Structures are given as C-alpha cells and as structure tokens.
Amino acid sequence: MEIPTSTTGLAMLATSLAQGKVESAVDVAVLKKSIELQEQTATHLLQSLPDGVGTQINTTA
C-alpha cells in the first residue's frame, strides 16, 4: 500500500480504513445474530422431539 504524502490523501486513507473497520464490525454482528438464531432454532427443534427419541444408538448398522 502506498502511503499518501498530501493531507487530502492521508484523510482519504484514514476514512477508508475507518470504513473498513465499520464494515468488519457489521459483518461480525450479522454473523453473531445468525449463529444465535441457528442456536434458537436447533434448541426449539430438539425440544419438540418426542420423549425417547435419540436415547438409543444402533451399533449394528
């Protein structure tokens, strides 16, 4: 990356880096929310199974 020598160039570089940080923070927040929703869905699905389902393992398969 070339480091600008003008004031305007430095300001543009700083703005670009700050915007990149914001975009990364938003991406992380969206990922966390997605994982949280998947966790809630999986928990709900597991709780909706009838009693006894998943308590036995077929070892002859």
Foldseek 3Di string as FASTA:
>chain_A
DDQDDDPVSNVVVVVVVVVVVVVVVVVVVVVVVVVVVVVVVVVVVVVPDDPPPPPDDDPVD
